[in-house]
Amino acid sequence: MTDNTYAAAGVDIEAGDRAVELFAPHAKRASRPEVRGGLGGFAGLFALGRYEKPLLAAGSDGVGTKLVIAQKMGIHNTIGIDLVAMCVDDLVVCGAEPLFLQDYIAIGKVVPEHVASIVEGIAEGCVRAGCALLGGETAEHPGVMPEGEYDVSATAVGVVEEDEVLGPQRVREGDVVIGMASSGLHSNGYSLARYVLLEQAQLPLTSHVEELGRSLGEELLEPTRIYTKDCLELISECEIHTFCHVTGGGLAGNLSRVIPEGLTARLSRATWKPLPVFRYIQSVGKIARSEMEKTFNMGVGMVAVLPAAEKERALAILAARHIDAWELGMVEESAGSERVVLEDEYAE
């Protein structure tokens, strides 16, 4: 007799229910007082609170091919941190406080323990960002995705008062540009990293790399640093004109998005030393510096642009929050079209 059931088609509802049971405690960690209702509803509810002229900010993102490393390593509880970081740190650039996040997990076959590990990381990321994990969806895709493979995405929503929106409209000549150190590759450039390290050089993820002080896989899975609370603290204590989240496109490519016409951010590479992982990838792949700089963050994960008079206070706040930060350069008047100019050689 033909077994024409959902399970026979490859969808295991019981496994999905078990996954919810396993990740529920993690999800409950990531909450805020404004959350209404609980897990399991058709929609997440969130009380906006009192604002004069609130603007909602929303951003959606994924993790890209860093997922391949997680799946090959069988480590699933950090990729969610990356997912949250990619969403919430885009919001804080305009001054918005992230309020909540909703995730989407597409998976070839639901393994409850794997799904729970993914959500564990998402919840941890939300805790680090100070936002609530308001809900999500896990979709089993038999016949579309192989067993053992999954993809993740999320949407974060934040709020900012209309007259407090940060951006290029606030940037002025003489502003100082402060860089905040990244924790590693974050979640960008993995297609190139995998190509040169895993495909061309055939390096095993489990091998210890002397230059990195750990295995290649551990280095590549280092979670993305979440700067949300640090940036919000700067906003509350200093005059900030804008931030720049350094993701795909590198430092110059992203910072140029928040430098207005007629101004140029002139930065010095000599002010920082790229993390060993970047030098390692460049050396193994024999990659040109220009290609590295437009693909990777090179050690700078977030940038603040602020009046020169606020520089020392901002650096002190970041130091107190254990964020390695330094002056990258300054904003100057320019008649040319280049919004960002990188000068000098990297520090050794």
Protein backbone atom coordinates (compact mmCIF):
# COMPACT_ATOMS: atom_id res chain seq x y z
CA MET A 1 0.00 0.00 0.00
CA THR A 2 1.34 3.43 -0.94
CA ASP A 3 2.27 5.59 2.01
CA ASN A 4 0.88 8.91 0.84
CA THR A 5 1.64 10.86 4.00
CA TYR A 6 3.48 14.07 4.79
CA ALA A 7 6.16 12.03 6.56
CA ALA A 8 6.66 9.85 3.48
CA ALA A 9 7.12 13.02 1.45
CA GLY A 10 9.94 13.99 3.77
CA VAL A 11 8.34 16.37 6.27
CA ASP A 12 8.50 15.25 9.90
CA ILE A 13 6.02 17.31 11.91
CA GLU A 14 6.91 15.51 15.14
CA ALA A 15 10.57 16.40 14.68
CA GLY A 16 9.56 20.01 14.19
CA ASP A 17 7.55 19.96 17.40
CA ARG A 18 10.49 18.43 19.23
CA ALA A 19 12.77 21.15 17.89
CA VAL A 20 10.41 23.79 19.31
CA GLU A 21 10.53 22.09 22.70
CA LEU A 22 14.31 22.11 22.65
CA PHE A 23 14.82 25.71 21.56
CA ALA A 24 12.00 27.27 23.62
CA PRO A 25 14.22 27.85 26.70
CA HIS A 26 16.80 29.61 24.55
CA ALA A 27 14.21 31.80 22.86
CA LYS A 28 12.73 32.84 26.22
CA ARG A 29 16.13 34.26 27.23
CA ALA A 30 15.90 36.83 24.46
CA SER A 31 13.00 38.98 25.58
CA ARG A 32 12.09 42.52 26.59
CA PRO A 33 9.35 43.97 28.81
CA GLU A 34 7.50 45.21 25.72
CA VAL A 35 6.89 41.67 24.42
CA ARG A 36 3.27 40.56 24.60
CA GLY A 37 2.16 36.95 24.40
CA GLY A 38 4.49 34.00 24.06
CA LEU A 39 5.92 31.47 21.64
CA GLY A 40 3.55 29.58 19.42
CA GLY A 41 1.22 32.33 18.26
CA PHE A 42 0.59 33.25 14.66
CA ALA A 43 2.25 36.63 15.16
CA GLY A 44 4.61 38.19 17.66
CA LEU A 45 3.33 41.21 19.55
CA PHE A 46 5.46 44.08 20.79
CA ALA A 47 4.35 47.29 22.56
CA LEU A 48 6.09 50.22 20.88
CA GLY A 49 6.11 52.50 23.92
CA ARG A 50 6.07 56.28 24.08
CA TYR A 51 7.83 58.28 21.39
CA GLU A 52 7.19 61.75 20.04
CA LYS A 53 7.81 61.06 16.34
CA PRO A 54 8.99 57.45 16.10
CA LEU A 55 10.44 56.06 12.91
CA LEU A 56 10.57 52.30 12.56
CA ALA A 57 13.76 50.92 11.05
CA ALA A 58 13.87 47.43 9.57
CA GLY A 59 16.64 45.33 8.10
CA SER A 60 16.84 41.80 6.72
CA ASP A 61 19.95 39.74 6.14
CA GLY A 62 21.50 36.29 6.19
CA VAL A 63 24.90 34.82 6.92
CA GLY A 64 26.03 33.85 3.43
CA THR A 65 28.40 30.99 2.79
CA LYS A 66 29.78 31.00 6.33
CA LEU A 67 26.99 28.45 6.78
CA VAL A 68 29.05 25.98 4.76
CA ILE A 69 31.81 26.10 7.38
CA ALA A 70 29.32 25.55 10.22
CA GLN A 71 27.78 22.57 8.45
CA LYS A 72 31.15 21.00 7.63
CA MET A 73 32.33 21.49 11.20
CA GLY A 74 29.05 20.28 12.71
CA ILE A 75 28.94 23.38 14.91
CA HIS A 76 25.58 25.12 14.75
CA ASN A 77 25.30 27.23 17.92
CA THR A 78 27.31 30.29 16.78
CA ILE A 79 25.93 30.98 13.33
CA GLY A 80 22.86 32.60 14.91
CA ILE A 81 25.06 35.23 16.54
CA ASP A 82 26.31 36.16 13.08
CA LEU A 83 22.74 36.36 11.81
CA VAL A 84 21.66 38.78 14.53
CA ALA A 85 24.78 40.90 14.11
CA MET A 86 24.22 41.36 10.39
CA CYS A 87 20.72 42.69 11.02
CA VAL A 88 20.91 44.77 14.21
CA ASP A 89 24.20 46.53 13.47
CA ASP A 90 22.71 47.82 10.23
CA LEU A 91 19.87 49.36 12.23
CA VAL A 92 22.05 51.12 14.79
CA VAL A 93 23.93 52.92 12.00
CA CYS A 94 20.99 55.32 11.67
CA GLY A 95 20.63 55.60 15.44
CA ALA A 96 17.83 53.08 15.81
CA GLU A 97 17.59 50.84 18.86
CA PRO A 98 16.78 47.27 17.75
CA LEU A 99 13.57 46.14 19.41
CA PHE A 100 12.95 42.65 18.11
CA LEU A 101 14.02 40.10 15.54
CA GLN A 102 12.27 37.30 13.69
CA ASP A 103 14.20 34.46 12.10
CA TYR A 104 13.63 32.03 9.24
CA ILE A 105 15.38 28.67 9.03
CA ALA A 106 15.08 26.62 5.84
CA ILE A 107 16.42 23.10 6.32
CA GLY A 108 16.61 19.93 4.26
CA LYS A 109 15.60 17.69 7.15
CA VAL A 110 14.69 18.78 10.66
CA VAL A 111 17.10 17.41 13.21
CA PRO A 112 15.67 18.83 16.45
CA GLU A 113 19.05 19.15 18.15
CA HIS A 114 20.54 21.03 15.18
CA VAL A 115 17.62 23.46 14.98
CA ALA A 116 17.80 24.03 18.73
CA SER A 117 21.53 24.83 18.41
CA ILE A 118 20.86 27.34 15.65
CA VAL A 119 18.18 29.07 17.73
CA GLU A 120 20.48 29.00 20.76
CA GLY A 121 22.90 31.18 18.80
CA ILE A 122 20.15 33.48 17.57
CA ALA A 123 18.91 33.96 21.13
CA GLU A 124 22.43 34.67 22.36
CA GLY A 125 22.85 37.25 19.63
CA CYS A 126 19.60 38.92 20.63
CA VAL A 127 20.73 39.05 24.26
CA ARG A 128 23.99 40.69 23.20
CA ALA A 129 22.08 43.23 21.11
CA GLY A 130 19.42 43.88 23.75
CA CYS A 131 16.53 42.96 21.46
CA ALA A 132 13.80 40.34 21.74
CA LEU A 133 13.53 37.19 19.65
CA LEU A 134 9.87 37.68 18.83
CA GLY A 135 9.28 34.60 16.72
CA GLY A 136 10.33 32.79 13.59
CA GLU A 137 9.74 29.95 11.21
CA THR A 138 11.46 26.63 10.58
CA ALA A 139 10.65 25.20 7.16
CA GLU A 140 11.59 21.66 6.15
CA HIS A 141 12.39 21.43 2.43
CA PRO A 142 12.75 17.77 1.40
CA GLY A 143 13.76 17.32 -2.21
CA VAL A 144 14.83 20.95 -2.43
CA MET A 145 17.66 21.04 0.11
CA PRO A 146 19.83 18.01 0.98
CA GLU A 147 19.70 16.59 4.47
CA GLY A 148 22.26 18.29 6.67
CA GLU A 149 22.03 21.62 4.84
CA TYR A 150 20.18 24.72 5.97
CA ASP A 151 19.98 28.43 5.38
CA VAL A 152 19.07 31.17 7.83
CA SER A 153 17.78 34.71 7.49
CA ALA A 154 16.17 37.24 9.77
CA THR A 155 14.49 40.61 9.94
CA ALA A 156 15.16 43.04 12.77
CA VAL A 157 12.98 46.02 13.63
CA GLY A 158 14.12 49.05 15.61
CA VAL A 159 12.97 52.57 16.41
CA VAL A 160 14.51 56.03 16.39
CA GLU A 161 13.06 59.48 16.98
CA GLU A 162 12.69 61.36 13.70
CA ASP A 163 14.89 64.26 14.79
CA GLU A 164 17.62 61.91 16.05
CA VAL A 165 18.26 59.98 12.84
CA LEU A 166 21.98 59.68 12.12
CA GLY A 167 23.43 59.75 8.63
CA PRO A 168 25.46 61.65 6.04
CA GLN A 169 23.32 64.75 6.51
CA ARG A 170 25.05 65.29 9.86
CA VAL A 171 28.65 64.74 8.75
CA ARG A 172 30.83 67.88 8.71
CA GLU A 173 34.34 68.88 7.67
CA GLY A 174 36.73 68.26 10.56
CA ASP A 175 34.85 65.25 11.93
CA VAL A 176 36.96 62.43 13.32
CA VAL A 177 36.59 58.86 12.07
CA ILE A 178 36.92 56.19 14.77
CA GLY A 179 37.35 52.52 13.96
CA MET A 180 36.19 49.64 16.16
CA ALA A 181 38.01 46.33 15.87
CA SER A 182 36.32 43.34 14.31
CA SER A 183 36.50 39.86 15.79
CA GLY A 184 37.53 38.32 12.47
CA LEU A 185 35.95 37.85 9.07
CA HIS A 186 32.49 38.44 10.59
CA SER A 187 30.07 37.24 7.89
CA ASN A 188 31.55 38.54 4.64
CA GLY A 189 34.06 37.29 2.12
CA TYR A 190 33.57 33.59 2.81
CA SER A 191 33.15 32.65 -0.83
CA LEU A 192 36.65 33.97 -1.53
CA ALA A 193 38.06 32.54 1.72
CA ARG A 194 36.63 29.09 0.97
CA TYR A 195 37.86 29.26 -2.62
CA VAL A 196 41.50 29.97 -1.77
CA LEU A 197 41.76 28.01 1.49
CA LEU A 198 39.55 24.98 0.97
CA GLU A 199 39.37 24.54 -2.81
CA GLN A 200 42.73 25.78 -4.07
CA ALA A 201 44.98 25.04 -1.07
CA GLN A 202 42.92 22.01 0.03
CA LEU A 203 43.42 22.91 3.70
CA PRO A 204 41.42 20.80 6.19
CA LEU A 205 39.18 22.77 8.53
CA THR A 206 40.36 20.70 11.49
CA SER A 207 44.08 21.41 10.96
CA HIS A 208 45.85 23.65 13.47
CA VAL A 209 47.21 26.84 11.91
CA GLU A 210 50.20 28.26 13.77
CA GLU A 211 49.56 31.83 12.60
CA LEU A 212 46.01 31.69 13.94
CA GLY A 213 46.65 29.79 17.15
CA ARG A 214 43.77 27.38 16.53
CA SER A 215 42.20 25.28 13.82
CA LEU A 216 41.21 26.86 10.53
CA GLY A 217 37.56 25.93 11.11
CA GLU A 218 37.50 27.53 14.55
CA GLU A 219 38.95 30.73 13.16
CA LEU A 220 36.46 30.89 10.31
CA LEU A 221 33.55 30.29 12.70
CA GLU A 222 34.53 33.11 15.07
CA PRO A 223 31.19 34.91 15.68
CA THR A 224 30.59 38.40 14.33
CA ARG A 225 31.01 41.08 16.97
CA ILE A 226 27.76 42.84 17.83
CA TYR A 227 28.29 46.58 18.36
CA THR A 228 24.69 47.63 19.01
CA LYS A 229 24.91 48.36 22.72
CA ASP A 230 28.28 50.06 22.30
CA CYS A 231 26.93 52.36 19.60
CA LEU A 232 23.80 53.15 21.60
CA GLU A 233 25.99 54.05 24.58
CA LEU A 234 28.00 56.42 22.37
CA ILE A 235 24.77 58.02 21.15
CA SER A 236 23.60 58.59 24.71
CA GLU A 237 26.93 60.06 25.90
CA CYS A 238 28.38 61.84 22.85
CA GLU A 239 27.39 63.77 19.77
CA ILE A 240 27.53 61.19 16.99
CA HIS A 241 27.00 62.11 13.36
CA THR A 242 26.84 58.65 11.84
CA PHE A 243 28.06 55.09 12.05
CA CYS A 244 29.18 52.69 9.33
CA HIS A 245 28.76 48.91 9.60
CA VAL A 246 31.65 47.40 7.65
CA THR A 247 30.27 44.41 5.74
CA GLY A 248 30.47 43.33 2.09
CA GLY A 249 32.39 45.94 0.13
CA GLY A 250 34.93 46.58 2.86
CA LEU A 251 35.79 49.71 4.81
CA ALA A 252 35.99 52.18 1.94
CA GLY A 253 32.97 50.79 0.12
CA ASN A 254 30.71 51.03 3.15
CA LEU A 255 32.01 54.27 4.64
CA SER A 256 31.49 56.05 1.32
CA ARG A 257 27.74 55.46 1.79
CA VAL A 258 27.65 57.86 4.76
CA ILE A 259 30.06 60.56 3.55
CA PRO A 260 28.17 63.33 1.72
CA GLU A 261 29.12 64.93 -1.56
CA GLY A 262 31.88 67.51 -1.23
CA LEU A 263 33.61 65.73 1.65
CA THR A 264 36.19 62.96 1.86
CA ALA A 265 37.12 60.71 4.76
CA ARG A 266 40.93 60.47 4.64
CA LEU A 267 42.05 57.37 6.54
CA SER A 268 45.46 55.92 7.36
CA ARG A 269 46.11 52.17 7.19
CA ALA A 270 49.07 52.77 9.51
CA THR A 271 46.67 53.26 12.43
CA TRP A 272 45.91 49.56 12.74
CA LYS A 273 47.27 46.08 12.14
CA PRO A 274 44.94 43.67 10.30
CA LEU A 275 44.12 40.48 12.21
CA PRO A 276 46.27 37.44 11.38
CA VAL A 277 43.42 35.71 9.54
CA PHE A 278 43.42 38.40 6.85
CA ARG A 279 47.16 38.18 6.31
CA TYR A 280 46.88 34.39 6.22
CA ILE A 281 44.16 34.40 3.54
CA GLN A 282 46.07 36.99 1.50
CA SER A 283 49.29 35.00 1.73
CA VAL A 284 47.80 31.60 0.90
CA GLY A 285 45.70 32.95 -1.96
CA LYS A 286 48.24 35.50 -3.21
CA ILE A 287 45.44 38.05 -3.26
CA ALA A 288 46.04 41.69 -4.14
CA ARG A 289 45.53 44.22 -1.37
CA SER A 290 42.84 46.00 -3.36
CA GLU A 291 40.85 42.76 -3.63
CA MET A 292 41.27 42.05 0.07
CA GLU A 293 40.06 45.52 1.02
CA LYS A 294 36.90 45.37 -1.07
CA THR A 295 36.05 41.85 0.12
CA PHE A 296 36.93 41.78 3.84
CA ASN A 297 36.65 44.17 6.78
CA MET A 298 40.44 43.88 7.37
CA GLY A 299 39.96 44.25 11.13
CA VAL A 300 37.51 47.18 11.26
CA GLY A 301 33.94 46.10 11.95
CA MET A 302 32.21 49.38 12.83
CA VAL A 303 33.06 53.04 12.32
CA ALA A 304 31.83 56.15 14.13
CA VAL A 305 32.00 59.65 12.65
CA LEU A 306 31.80 62.43 15.22
CA PRO A 307 33.01 65.96 16.03
CA ALA A 308 36.70 66.19 16.92
CA ALA A 309 35.80 67.57 20.36
CA GLU A 310 34.04 64.26 21.18
CA LYS A 311 36.94 61.99 20.19
CA GLU A 312 38.57 61.42 23.59
CA ARG A 313 35.26 60.86 25.35
CA ALA A 314 34.12 58.38 22.71
CA LEU A 315 37.38 56.43 22.86
CA ALA A 316 37.17 56.32 26.67
CA ILE A 317 33.61 54.97 26.53
CA LEU A 318 34.59 52.26 24.07
CA ALA A 319 37.66 51.33 26.13
CA ALA A 320 35.46 50.98 29.22
CA ARG A 321 33.24 48.64 27.21
CA HIS A 322 36.29 46.57 26.19
CA ILE A 323 36.11 47.60 22.53
CA ASP A 324 39.46 48.16 20.84
CA ALA A 325 38.99 51.49 19.06
CA TRP A 326 41.25 54.13 17.53
CA GLU A 327 41.28 57.21 15.29
CA LEU A 328 41.30 56.15 11.65
CA GLY A 329 41.39 59.61 10.13
CA MET A 330 39.37 62.75 9.51
CA VAL A 331 36.74 64.17 7.20
CA GLU A 332 37.92 66.99 4.97
CA GLU A 333 36.57 69.16 2.20
CA SER A 334 37.11 67.76 -1.27
CA ALA A 335 36.41 68.84 -4.81
CA GLY A 336 36.84 65.29 -6.12
CA SER A 337 34.43 62.39 -6.31
CA GLU A 338 36.19 60.04 -3.90
CA ARG A 339 34.29 59.82 -0.62
CA VAL A 340 36.95 57.70 1.14
CA VAL A 341 40.72 57.69 0.64
CA LEU A 342 42.93 55.05 2.28
CA GLU A 343 46.59 56.02 2.61
CA ASP A 344 49.85 54.51 3.92
CA GLU A 345 50.80 50.92 4.62
CA TYR A 346 49.29 48.76 7.35
CA ALA A 347 51.03 48.70 10.72
CA GLU A 348 53.31 45.72 11.30
